[in-house]
Amino acid sequence: MKIRRRYIAFRVSGGRIDRERVVDILRSLQQQVSIDAPEAEPKLILFDEASQRGLLRCGHRLLAQVKDKIGGVEGIDGKSAKFVILGVSGTIKAAKRKFLSPR
């Protein structure tokens, strides 16, 4: 069965973190989510440290699990930082246009 990809736009609220820390959080997230295919696992597509916004890819069947897990991450590095999900899209282009463009 073909894996349909979904792109989750997010921002970090309540504190500033760098790209490497986001990658570490996603690695721990991968261990918590049951993954049926390697291409479906969550992967960081982009993260802008200035705006603290990013884009995460996952398989369509894991979308609910990934949203729950990433939305539940709070208190990053002892700060009150947390992930806020901005929205979900089926393409990178649409996700950037809808959720990551400057307003």
PDB file of N, CA and C in Angstrom:
ATOM      1  N   MET A   1       0.831  -1.172   0.000  1.00  0.00           N
ATOM      2  CA  MET A   1       0.000   0.000   0.000  1.00  0.00           C
ATOM      3  C   MET A   1       0.886   1.249   0.000  1.00  0.00           C
ATOM      4  N   LYS A   2       0.480   2.225  -0.768  1.00  0.00           N
ATOM      5  CA  LYS A   2       1.247   3.459  -0.883  1.00  0.00           C
ATOM      6  C   LYS A   2       1.057   4.330   0.360  1.00  0.00           C
ATOM      7  N   ILE A   3       2.164   4.870   0.827  1.00  0.00           N
ATOM      8  CA  ILE A   3       2.118   5.780   1.967  1.00  0.00           C
ATOM      9  C   ILE A   3       1.836   7.183   1.456  1.00  0.00           C
ATOM     10  N   ARG A   4       0.740   7.764   1.895  1.00  0.00           N
ATOM     11  CA  ARG A   4       0.432   9.149   1.545  1.00  0.00           C
ATOM     12  C   ARG A   4       1.030  10.038   2.623  1.00  0.00           C
ATOM     13  N   ARG A   5       1.758  11.021   2.205  1.00  0.00           N
ATOM     14  CA  ARG A   5       2.452  11.883   3.155  1.00  0.00           C
ATOM     15  C   ARG A   5       1.593  13.061   3.565  1.00  0.00           C
ATOM     16  N   ARG A   6       1.739  13.432   4.819  1.00  0.00           N
ATOM     17  CA  ARG A   6       1.089  14.610   5.357  1.00  0.00           C
ATOM     18  C   ARG A   6       2.165  15.493   5.977  1.00  0.00           C
ATOM     19  N   TYR A   7       1.948  16.776   5.891  1.00  0.00           N
ATOM     20  CA  TYR A   7       2.914  17.749   6.390  1.00  0.00           C
ATOM     21  C   TYR A   7       2.261  18.548   7.509  1.00  0.00           C
ATOM     22  N   ILE A   8       2.862  18.486   8.687  1.00  0.00           N
ATOM     23  CA  ILE A   8       2.339  19.154   9.867  1.00  0.00           C
ATOM     24  C   ILE A   8       3.160  20.419  10.095  1.00  0.00           C
ATOM     25  N   ALA A   9       2.498  21.561  10.022  1.00  0.00           N
ATOM     26  CA  ALA A   9       3.152  22.838  10.309  1.00  0.00           C
ATOM     27  C   ALA A   9       3.036  23.090  11.809  1.00  0.00           C
ATOM     28  N   PHE A  10       4.125  23.555  12.408  1.00  0.00           N
ATOM     29  CA  PHE A  10       4.128  23.805  13.847  1.00  0.00           C
ATOM     30  C   PHE A  10       4.972  25.034  14.169  1.00  0.00           C
ATOM     31  N   ARG A  11       4.800  25.519  15.383  1.00  0.00           N
ATOM     32  CA  ARG A  11       5.677  26.566  15.898  1.00  0.00           C
ATOM     33  C   ARG A  11       5.995  26.234  17.343  1.00  0.00           C
ATOM     34  N   VAL A  12       7.112  26.760  17.798  1.00  0.00           N
ATOM     35  CA  VAL A  12       7.507  26.583  19.189  1.00  0.00           C
ATOM     36  C   VAL A  12       7.072  27.834  19.932  1.00  0.00           C
ATOM     37  N   SER A  13       6.330  27.646  20.983  1.00  0.00           N
ATOM     38  CA  SER A  13       5.784  28.755  21.758  1.00  0.00           C
ATOM     39  C   SER A  13       6.375  28.738  23.162  1.00  0.00           C
ATOM     40  N   GLY A  14       6.645  29.917  23.705  1.00  0.00           N
ATOM     41  CA  GLY A  14       7.084  30.012  25.090  1.00  0.00           C
ATOM     42  C   GLY A  14       8.576  29.906  25.307  1.00  0.00           C
ATOM     43  N   GLY A  15       9.356  29.823  24.278  1.00  0.00           N
ATOM     44  CA  GLY A  15      10.807  29.748  24.415  1.00  0.00           C
ATOM     45  C   GLY A  15      11.455  29.513  23.066  1.00  0.00           C
ATOM     46  N   ARG A  16      12.754  29.658  23.018  1.00  0.00           N
ATOM     47  CA  ARG A  16      13.480  29.477  21.767  1.00  0.00           C
ATOM     48  C   ARG A  16      14.326  28.206  21.851  1.00  0.00           C
ATOM     49  N   ILE A  17      14.250  27.389  20.811  1.00  0.00           N
ATOM     50  CA  ILE A  17      15.092  26.203  20.730  1.00  0.00           C
ATOM     51  C   ILE A  17      15.736  26.175  19.352  1.00  0.00           C
ATOM     52  N   ASP A  18      16.805  25.399  19.217  1.00  0.00           N
ATOM     53  CA  ASP A  18      17.487  25.324  17.925  1.00  0.00           C
ATOM     54  C   ASP A  18      17.067  24.063  17.172  1.00  0.00           C
ATOM     55  N   ARG A  19      17.489  23.986  15.921  1.00  0.00           N
ATOM     56  CA  ARG A  19      17.113  22.886  15.035  1.00  0.00           C
ATOM     57  C   ARG A  19      17.532  21.527  15.595  1.00  0.00           C
ATOM     58  N   GLU A  20      18.729  21.463  16.154  1.00  0.00           N
ATOM     59  CA  GLU A  20      19.237  20.193  16.686  1.00  0.00           C
ATOM     60  C   GLU A  20      18.343  19.661  17.805  1.00  0.00           C
ATOM     61  N   ARG A  21      17.825  20.547  18.624  1.00  0.00           N
ATOM     62  CA  ARG A  21      16.948  20.120  19.714  1.00  0.00           C
ATOM     63  C   ARG A  21      15.613  19.603  19.164  1.00  0.00           C
ATOM     64  N   VAL A  22      15.107  20.228  18.109  1.00  0.00           N
ATOM     65  CA  VAL A  22      13.876  19.750  17.470  1.00  0.00           C
ATOM     66  C   VAL A  22      14.102  18.343  16.917  1.00  0.00           C
ATOM     67  N   VAL A  23      15.242  18.113  16.287  1.00  0.00           N
ATOM     68  CA  VAL A  23      15.563  16.792  15.737  1.00  0.00           C
ATOM     69  C   VAL A  23      15.627  15.753  16.860  1.00  0.00           C
ATOM     70  N   ASP A  24      16.235  16.113  17.992  1.00  0.00           N
ATOM     71  CA  ASP A  24      16.298  15.191  19.133  1.00  0.00           C
ATOM     72  C   ASP A  24      14.901  14.830  19.646  1.00  0.00           C
ATOM     73  N   ILE A  25      14.034  15.816  19.716  1.00  0.00           N
ATOM     74  CA  ILE A  25      12.665  15.573  20.179  1.00  0.00           C
ATOM     75  C   ILE A  25      11.942  14.642  19.212  1.00  0.00           C
ATOM     76  N   LEU A  26      12.161  14.837  17.913  1.00  0.00           N
ATOM     77  CA  LEU A  26      11.508  13.978  16.918  1.00  0.00           C
ATOM     78  C   LEU A  26      12.036  12.551  16.971  1.00  0.00           C
ATOM     79  N   ARG A  27      13.309  12.379  17.273  1.00  0.00           N
ATOM     80  CA  ARG A  27      13.852  11.023  17.421  1.00  0.00           C
ATOM     81  C   ARG A  27      13.181  10.291  18.578  1.00  0.00           C
ATOM     82  N   SER A  28      12.989  10.986  19.686  1.00  0.00           N
ATOM     83  CA  SER A  28      12.308  10.342  20.810  1.00  0.00           C
ATOM     84  C   SER A  28      10.845  10.090  20.472  1.00  0.00           C
ATOM     85  N   LEU A  29      10.249  10.958  19.659  1.00  0.00           N
ATOM     86  CA  LEU A  29       8.875  10.774  19.210  1.00  0.00           C
ATOM     87  C   LEU A  29       8.744   9.514  18.357  1.00  0.00           C
ATOM     88  N   GLN A  30       9.722   9.244  17.506  1.00  0.00           N
ATOM     89  CA  GLN A  30       9.699   8.062  16.642  1.00  0.00           C
ATOM     90  C   GLN A  30       9.657   6.785  17.463  1.00  0.00           C
ATOM     91  N   GLN A  31      10.284   6.794  18.618  1.00  0.00           N
ATOM     92  CA  GLN A  31      10.288   5.605  19.467  1.00  0.00           C
ATOM     93  C   GLN A  31       8.934   5.387  20.134  1.00  0.00           C
ATOM     94  N   GLN A  32       8.145   6.447  20.291  1.00  0.00           N
ATOM     95  CA  GLN A  32       6.852   6.354  20.959  1.00  0.00           C
ATOM     96  C   GLN A  32       5.718   6.006  20.001  1.00  0.00           C
ATOM     97  N   VAL A  33       5.912   6.244  18.708  1.00  0.00           N
ATOM     98  CA  VAL A  33       4.864   6.028  17.713  1.00  0.00           C
ATOM     99  C   VAL A  33       5.090   4.685  17.041  1.00  0.00           C
ATOM    100  N   SER A  34       4.022   3.893  16.897  1.00  0.00           N
ATOM    101  CA  SER A  34       4.150   2.610  16.214  1.00  0.00           C
ATOM    102  C   SER A  34       4.196   2.845  14.705  1.00  0.00           C
ATOM    103  N   ILE A  35       5.330   2.498  14.110  1.00  0.00           N
ATOM    104  CA  ILE A  35       5.563   2.774  12.696  1.00  0.00           C
ATOM    105  C   ILE A  35       5.522   1.472  11.919  1.00  0.00           C
ATOM    106  N   ASP A  36       4.670   1.432  10.883  1.00  0.00           N
ATOM    107  CA  ASP A  36       4.540   0.217  10.091  1.00  0.00           C
ATOM    108  C   ASP A  36       5.460   0.209   8.870  1.00  0.00           C
ATOM    109  N   ALA A  37       5.951   1.362   8.465  1.00  0.00           N
ATOM    110  CA  ALA A  37       6.852   1.455   7.317  1.00  0.00           C
ATOM    111  C   ALA A  37       7.839   2.598   7.550  1.00  0.00           C
ATOM    112  N   PRO A  38       9.115   2.399   7.201  1.00  0.00           N
ATOM    113  CA  PRO A  38      10.117   3.446   7.436  1.00  0.00           C
ATOM    114  C   PRO A  38       9.793   4.773   6.753  1.00  0.00           C
ATOM    115  N   GLU A  39       9.160   4.723   5.595  1.00  0.00           N
ATOM    116  CA  GLU A  39       8.847   5.968   4.901  1.00  0.00           C
ATOM    117  C   GLU A  39       7.701   6.730   5.559  1.00  0.00           C
ATOM    118  N   ALA A  40       7.009   6.113   6.499  1.00  0.00           N
ATOM    119  CA  ALA A  40       5.903   6.771   7.194  1.00  0.00           C
ATOM    120  C   ALA A  40       6.354   7.475   8.464  1.00  0.00           C
ATOM    121  N   GLU A  41       7.587   7.226   8.917  1.00  0.00           N
ATOM    122  CA  GLU A  41       8.026   7.788  10.189  1.00  0.00           C
ATOM    123  C   GLU A  41       8.163   9.312  10.125  1.00  0.00           C
ATOM    124  N   PRO A  42       7.966   9.977  11.248  1.00  0.00           N
ATOM    125  CA  PRO A  42       8.057  11.435  11.280  1.00  0.00           C
ATOM    126  C   PRO A  42       9.456  11.926  10.926  1.00  0.00           C
ATOM    127  N   LYS A  43       9.512  12.979  10.116  1.00  0.00           N
ATOM    128  CA  LYS A  43      10.795  13.543   9.687  1.00  0.00           C
ATOM    129  C   LYS A  43      10.669  15.053   9.602  1.00  0.00           C
ATOM    130  N   LEU A  44      11.679  15.745  10.113  1.00  0.00           N
ATOM    131  CA  LEU A  44      11.698  17.201  10.043  1.00  0.00           C
ATOM    132  C   LEU A  44      12.092  17.630   8.639  1.00  0.00           C
ATOM    133  N   ILE A  45      11.232  18.407   7.996  1.00  0.00           N
ATOM    134  CA  ILE A  45      11.493  18.893   6.645  1.00  0.00           C
ATOM    135  C   ILE A  45      12.215  20.233   6.702  1.00  0.00           C
ATOM    136  N   LEU A  46      11.709  21.142   7.517  1.00  0.00           N
ATOM    137  CA  LEU A  46      12.380  22.432   7.687  1.00  0.00           C
ATOM    138  C   LEU A  46      12.059  23.008   9.045  1.00  0.00           C
ATOM    139  N   PHE A  47      12.970  23.865   9.535  1.00  0.00           N
ATOM    140  CA  PHE A  47      12.758  24.572  10.787  1.00  0.00           C
ATOM    141  C   PHE A  47      13.508  25.885  10.714  1.00  0.00           C
ATOM    142  N   ASP A  48      12.778  26.985  10.888  1.00  0.00           N
ATOM    143  CA  ASP A  48      13.363  28.314  10.873  1.00  0.00           C
ATOM    144  C   ASP A  48      13.540  28.771  12.317  1.00  0.00           C
ATOM    145  N   GLU A  49      14.794  28.915  12.741  1.00  0.00           N
ATOM    146  CA  GLU A  49      15.069  29.283  14.122  1.00  0.00           C
ATOM    147  C   GLU A  49      14.623  30.704  14.441  1.00  0.00           C
ATOM    148  N   ALA A  50      14.616  31.582  13.452  1.00  0.00           N
ATOM    149  CA  ALA A  50      14.212  32.972  13.688  1.00  0.00           C
ATOM    150  C   ALA A  50      12.730  33.069  14.034  1.00  0.00           C
ATOM    151  N   SER A  51      11.894  32.384  13.269  1.00  0.00           N
ATOM    152  CA  SER A  51      10.452  32.441  13.514  1.00  0.00           C
ATOM    153  C   SER A  51       9.962  31.315  14.418  1.00  0.00           C
ATOM    154  N   GLN A  52      10.831  30.336  14.686  1.00  0.00           N
ATOM    155  CA  GLN A  52      10.490  29.165  15.493  1.00  0.00           C
ATOM    156  C   GLN A  52       9.332  28.378  14.886  1.00  0.00           C
ATOM    157  N   ARG A  53       9.291  28.322  13.550  1.00  0.00           N
ATOM    158  CA  ARG A  53       8.267  27.561  12.829  1.00  0.00           C
ATOM    159  C   ARG A  53       8.933  26.468  12.017  1.00  0.00           C
ATOM    160  N   GLY A  54       8.195  25.383  11.811  1.00  0.00           N
ATOM    161  CA  GLY A  54       8.764  24.278  11.066  1.00  0.00           C
ATOM    162  C   GLY A  54       7.700  23.421  10.410  1.00  0.00           C
ATOM    163  N   LEU A  55       8.206  22.413   9.695  1.00  0.00           N
ATOM    164  CA  LEU A  55       7.348  21.508   8.941  1.00  0.00           C
ATOM    165  C   LEU A  55       7.839  20.088   9.174  1.00  0.00           C
ATOM    166  N   LEU A  56       6.904  19.220   9.507  1.00  0.00           N
ATOM    167  CA  LEU A  56       7.189  17.833   9.839  1.00  0.00           C
ATOM    168  C   LEU A  56       6.407  16.937   8.896  1.00  0.00           C
ATOM    169  N   ARG A  57       7.058  15.906   8.348  1.00  0.00           N
ATOM    170  CA  ARG A  57       6.385  14.964   7.445  1.00  0.00           C
ATOM    171  C   ARG A  57       6.135  13.649   8.163  1.00  0.00           C
ATOM    172  N   CYS A  58       4.969  13.056   7.885  1.00  0.00           N
ATOM    173  CA  CYS A  58       4.674  11.719   8.400  1.00  0.00           C
ATOM    174  C   CYS A  58       3.688  11.043   7.462  1.00  0.00           C
ATOM    175  N   GLY A  59       3.486   9.763   7.644  1.00  0.00           N
ATOM    176  CA  GLY A  59       2.516   9.017   6.855  1.00  0.00           C
ATOM    177  C   GLY A  59       1.094   9.336   7.302  1.00  0.00           C
ATOM    178  N   HIS A  60       0.144   9.203   6.394  1.00  0.00           N
ATOM    179  CA  HIS A  60      -1.238   9.581   6.702  1.00  0.00           C
ATOM    180  C   HIS A  60      -1.854   8.747   7.818  1.00  0.00           C
ATOM    181  N   ARG A  61      -1.432   7.524   7.961  1.00  0.00           N
ATOM    182  CA  ARG A  61      -1.988   6.670   9.016  1.00  0.00           C
ATOM    183  C   ARG A  61      -1.458   7.027  10.400  1.00  0.00           C
ATOM    184  N   LEU A  62      -0.318   7.702  10.449  1.00  0.00           N
ATOM    185  CA  LEU A  62       0.278   8.092  11.728  1.00  0.00           C
ATOM    186  C   LEU A  62      -0.072   9.515  12.130  1.00  0.00           C
ATOM    187  N   LEU A  63      -0.824  10.206  11.310  1.00  0.00           N
ATOM    188  CA  LEU A  63      -1.086  11.623  11.534  1.00  0.00           C
ATOM    189  C   LEU A  63      -1.660  11.912  12.918  1.00  0.00           C
ATOM    190  N   ALA A  64      -2.672  11.189  13.321  1.00  0.00           N
ATOM    191  CA  ALA A  64      -3.298  11.439  14.622  1.00  0.00           C
ATOM    192  C   ALA A  64      -2.326  11.170  15.772  1.00  0.00           C
ATOM    193  N   GLN A  65      -1.578  10.080  15.674  1.00  0.00           N
ATOM    194  CA  GLN A  65      -0.606   9.750  16.718  1.00  0.00           C
ATOM    195  C   GLN A  65       0.471  10.824  16.830  1.00  0.00           C
ATOM    196  N   VAL A  66       1.014  11.243  15.690  1.00  0.00           N
ATOM    197  CA  VAL A  66       2.087  12.232  15.691  1.00  0.00           C
ATOM    198  C   VAL A  66       1.575  13.564  16.229  1.00  0.00           C
ATOM    199  N   LYS A  67       0.379  13.970  15.817  1.00  0.00           N
ATOM    200  CA  LYS A  67      -0.188  15.226  16.320  1.00  0.00           C
ATOM    201  C   LYS A  67      -0.374  15.177  17.832  1.00  0.00           C
ATOM    202  N   ASP A  68      -0.865  14.062  18.346  1.00  0.00           N
ATOM    203  CA  ASP A  68      -1.043  13.922  19.790  1.00  0.00           C
ATOM    204  C   ASP A  68       0.280  13.993  20.532  1.00  0.00           C
ATOM    205  N   LYS A  69       1.276  13.283  20.024  1.00  0.00           N
ATOM    206  CA  LYS A  69       2.581  13.229  20.694  1.00  0.00           C
ATOM    207  C   LYS A  69       3.286  14.579  20.653  1.00  0.00           C
ATOM    208  N   ILE A  70       3.327  15.213  19.487  1.00  0.00           N
ATOM    209  CA  ILE A  70       4.052  16.480  19.379  1.00  0.00           C
ATOM    210  C   ILE A  70       3.306  17.598  20.106  1.00  0.00           C
ATOM    211  N   GLY A  71       1.988  17.533  20.110  1.00  0.00           N
ATOM    212  CA  GLY A  71       1.208  18.521  20.846  1.00  0.00           C
ATOM    213  C   GLY A  71       1.343  18.376  22.353  1.00  0.00           C
ATOM    214  N   GLY A  72       1.726  17.195  22.791  1.00  0.00           N
ATOM    215  CA  GLY A  72       1.898  16.938  24.218  1.00  0.00           C
ATOM    216  C   GLY A  72       3.273  17.267  24.754  1.00  0.00           C
ATOM    217  N   VAL A  73       4.200  17.657  23.886  1.00  0.00           N
ATOM    218  CA  VAL A  73       5.559  17.996  24.327  1.00  0.00           C
ATOM    219  C   VAL A  73       5.522  19.379  24.963  1.00  0.00           C
ATOM    220  N   GLU A  74       5.879  19.450  26.242  1.00  0.00           N
ATOM    221  CA  GLU A  74       5.926  20.721  26.957  1.00  0.00           C
ATOM    222  C   GLU A  74       7.147  20.745  27.849  1.00  0.00           C
ATOM    223  N   GLY A  75       7.580  21.921  28.219  1.00  0.00           N
ATOM    224  CA  GLY A  75       8.716  22.053  29.117  1.00  0.00           C
ATOM    225  C   GLY A  75      10.015  21.611  28.490  1.00  0.00           C
ATOM    226  N   ILE A  76      10.321  22.115  27.307  1.00  0.00           N
ATOM    227  CA  ILE A  76      11.534  21.735  26.588  1.00  0.00           C
ATOM    228  C   ILE A  76      12.737  22.401  27.242  1.00  0.00           C
ATOM    229  N   ASP A  77      13.722  21.599  27.624  1.00  0.00           N
ATOM    230  CA  ASP A  77      14.963  22.073  28.258  1.00  0.00           C
ATOM    231  C   ASP A  77      14.706  22.939  29.484  1.00  0.00           C
ATOM    232  N   GLY A  78      13.713  22.588  30.256  1.00  0.00           N
ATOM    233  CA  GLY A  78      13.419  23.330  31.473  1.00  0.00           C
ATOM    234  C   GLY A  78      12.728  24.664  31.236  1.00  0.00           C
ATOM    235  N   LYS A  79      12.435  24.985  30.008  1.00  0.00           N
ATOM    236  CA  LYS A  79      11.716  26.222  29.679  1.00  0.00           C
ATOM    237  C   LYS A  79      10.234  25.879  29.543  1.00  0.00           C
ATOM    238  N   SER A  80       9.426  26.893  29.427  1.00  0.00           N
ATOM    239  CA  SER A  80       7.995  26.647  29.258  1.00  0.00           C
ATOM    240  C   SER A  80       7.642  26.462  27.786  1.00  0.00           C
ATOM    241  N   ALA A  81       8.619  26.151  26.968  1.00  0.00           N
ATOM    242  CA  ALA A  81       8.401  25.989  25.527  1.00  0.00           C
ATOM    243  C   ALA A  81       7.564  24.752  25.235  1.00  0.00           C
ATOM    244  N   LYS A  82       6.723  24.882  24.209  1.00  0.00           N
ATOM    245  CA  LYS A  82       5.909  23.756  23.771  1.00  0.00           C
ATOM    246  C   LYS A  82       5.656  23.886  22.272  1.00  0.00           C
ATOM    247  N   PHE A  83       5.229  22.784  21.653  1.00  0.00           N
ATOM    248  CA  PHE A  83       4.899  22.779  20.238  1.00  0.00           C
ATOM    249  C   PHE A  83       3.420  23.115  20.060  1.00  0.00           C
ATOM    250  N   VAL A  84       3.135  23.994  19.117  1.00  0.00           N
ATOM    251  CA  VAL A  84       1.767  24.345  18.765  1.00  0.00           C
ATOM    252  C   VAL A  84       1.566  23.965  17.302  1.00  0.00           C
ATOM    253  N   ILE A  85       0.584  23.134  17.029  1.00  0.00           N
ATOM    254  CA  ILE A  85       0.321  22.693  15.659  1.00  0.00           C
ATOM    255  C   ILE A  85      -0.497  23.775  14.960  1.00  0.00           C
ATOM    256  N   LEU A  86       0.035  24.247  13.820  1.00  0.00           N
ATOM    257  CA  LEU A  86      -0.632  25.288  13.046  1.00  0.00           C
ATOM    258  C   LEU A  86      -1.627  24.718  12.053  1.00  0.00           C
ATOM    259  N   GLY A  87      -1.319  23.521  11.524  1.00  0.00           N
ATOM    260  CA  GLY A  87      -2.218  22.893  10.569  1.00  0.00           C
ATOM    261  C   GLY A  87      -1.553  21.749   9.845  1.00  0.00           C
ATOM    262  N   VAL A  88      -2.324  21.070   9.006  1.00  0.00           N
ATOM    263  CA  VAL A  88      -1.857  19.908   8.260  1.00  0.00           C
ATOM    264  C   VAL A  88      -2.187  20.101   6.792  1.00  0.00           C
ATOM    265  N   SER A  89      -1.275  19.648   5.932  1.00  0.00           N
ATOM    266  CA  SER A  89      -1.492  19.757   4.495  1.00  0.00           C
ATOM    267  C   SER A  89      -0.975  18.498   3.808  1.00  0.00           C
ATOM    268  N   GLY A  90      -1.380  18.320   2.565  1.00  0.00           N
ATOM    269  CA  GLY A  90      -0.939  17.179   1.786  1.00  0.00           C
ATOM    270  C   GLY A  90       0.300  17.453   0.953  1.00  0.00           C
ATOM    271  N   THR A  91       0.693  18.733   0.823  1.00  0.00           N
ATOM    272  CA  THR A  91       1.892  19.085   0.062  1.00  0.00           C
ATOM    273  C   THR A  91       2.710  20.116   0.831  1.00  0.00           C
ATOM    274  N   ILE A  92       4.006  20.137   0.550  1.00  0.00           N
ATOM    275  CA  ILE A  92       4.895  21.112   1.178  1.00  0.00           C
ATOM    276  C   ILE A  92       4.517  22.525   0.747  1.00  0.00           C
ATOM    277  N   LYS A  93       4.250  22.684  -0.535  1.00  0.00           N
ATOM    278  CA  LYS A  93       3.927  24.002  -1.083  1.00  0.00           C
ATOM    279  C   LYS A  93       2.701  24.611  -0.396  1.00  0.00           C
ATOM    280  N   ALA A  94       1.647  23.831  -0.250  1.00  0.00           N
ATOM    281  CA  ALA A  94       0.431  24.325   0.394  1.00  0.00           C
ATOM    282  C   ALA A  94       0.657  24.595   1.876  1.00  0.00           C
ATOM    283  N   ALA A  95       1.426  23.756   2.536  1.00  0.00           N
ATOM    284  CA  ALA A  95       1.709  23.960   3.955  1.00  0.00           C
ATOM    285  C   ALA A  95       2.479  25.260   4.167  1.00  0.00           C
ATOM    286  N   LYS A  96       3.456  25.519   3.321  1.00  0.00           N
ATOM    287  CA  LYS A  96       4.208  26.770   3.435  1.00  0.00           C
ATOM    288  C   LYS A  96       3.297  27.965   3.191  1.00  0.00           C
ATOM    289  N   ARG A  97       2.475  27.876   2.172  1.00  0.00           N
ATOM    290  CA  ARG A  97       1.592  28.998   1.827  1.00  0.00           C
ATOM    291  C   ARG A  97       0.572  29.274   2.929  1.00  0.00           C
ATOM    292  N   LYS A  98      -0.041  28.225   3.439  1.00  0.00           N
ATOM    293  CA  LYS A  98      -1.110  28.398   4.420  1.00  0.00           C
ATOM    294  C   LYS A  98      -0.617  28.733   5.814  1.00  0.00           C
ATOM    295  N   PHE A  99       0.463  28.081   6.259  1.00  0.00           N
ATOM    296  CA  PHE A  99       0.827  28.135   7.663  1.00  0.00           C
ATOM    297  C   PHE A  99       2.174  28.786   7.975  1.00  0.00           C
ATOM    298  N   LEU A 100       3.090  28.821   7.027  1.00  0.00           N
ATOM    299  CA  LEU A 100       4.433  29.299   7.325  1.00  0.00           C
ATOM    300  C   LEU A 100       4.785  30.626   6.672  1.00  0.00           C
ATOM    301  N   SER A 101       3.913  31.145   5.844  1.00  0.00           N
ATOM    302  CA  SER A 101       4.212  32.414   5.193  1.00  0.00           C
ATOM    303  C   SER A 101       4.105  33.556   6.207  1.00  0.00           C
ATOM    304  N   PRO A 102       4.926  34.600   6.046  1.00  0.00           N
ATOM    305  CA  PRO A 102       4.860  35.743   6.985  1.00  0.00           C
ATOM    306  C   PRO A 102       3.510  36.445   6.869  1.00  0.00           C
ATOM    307  N   ARG A 103       2.987  36.839   7.988  1.00  0.00           N
ATOM    308  CA  ARG A 103       1.664  37.490   7.984  1.00  0.00           C
ATOM    309  C   ARG A 103       1.773  38.893   8.478  1.00  0.00           C
TER     310      ARG A 103
END
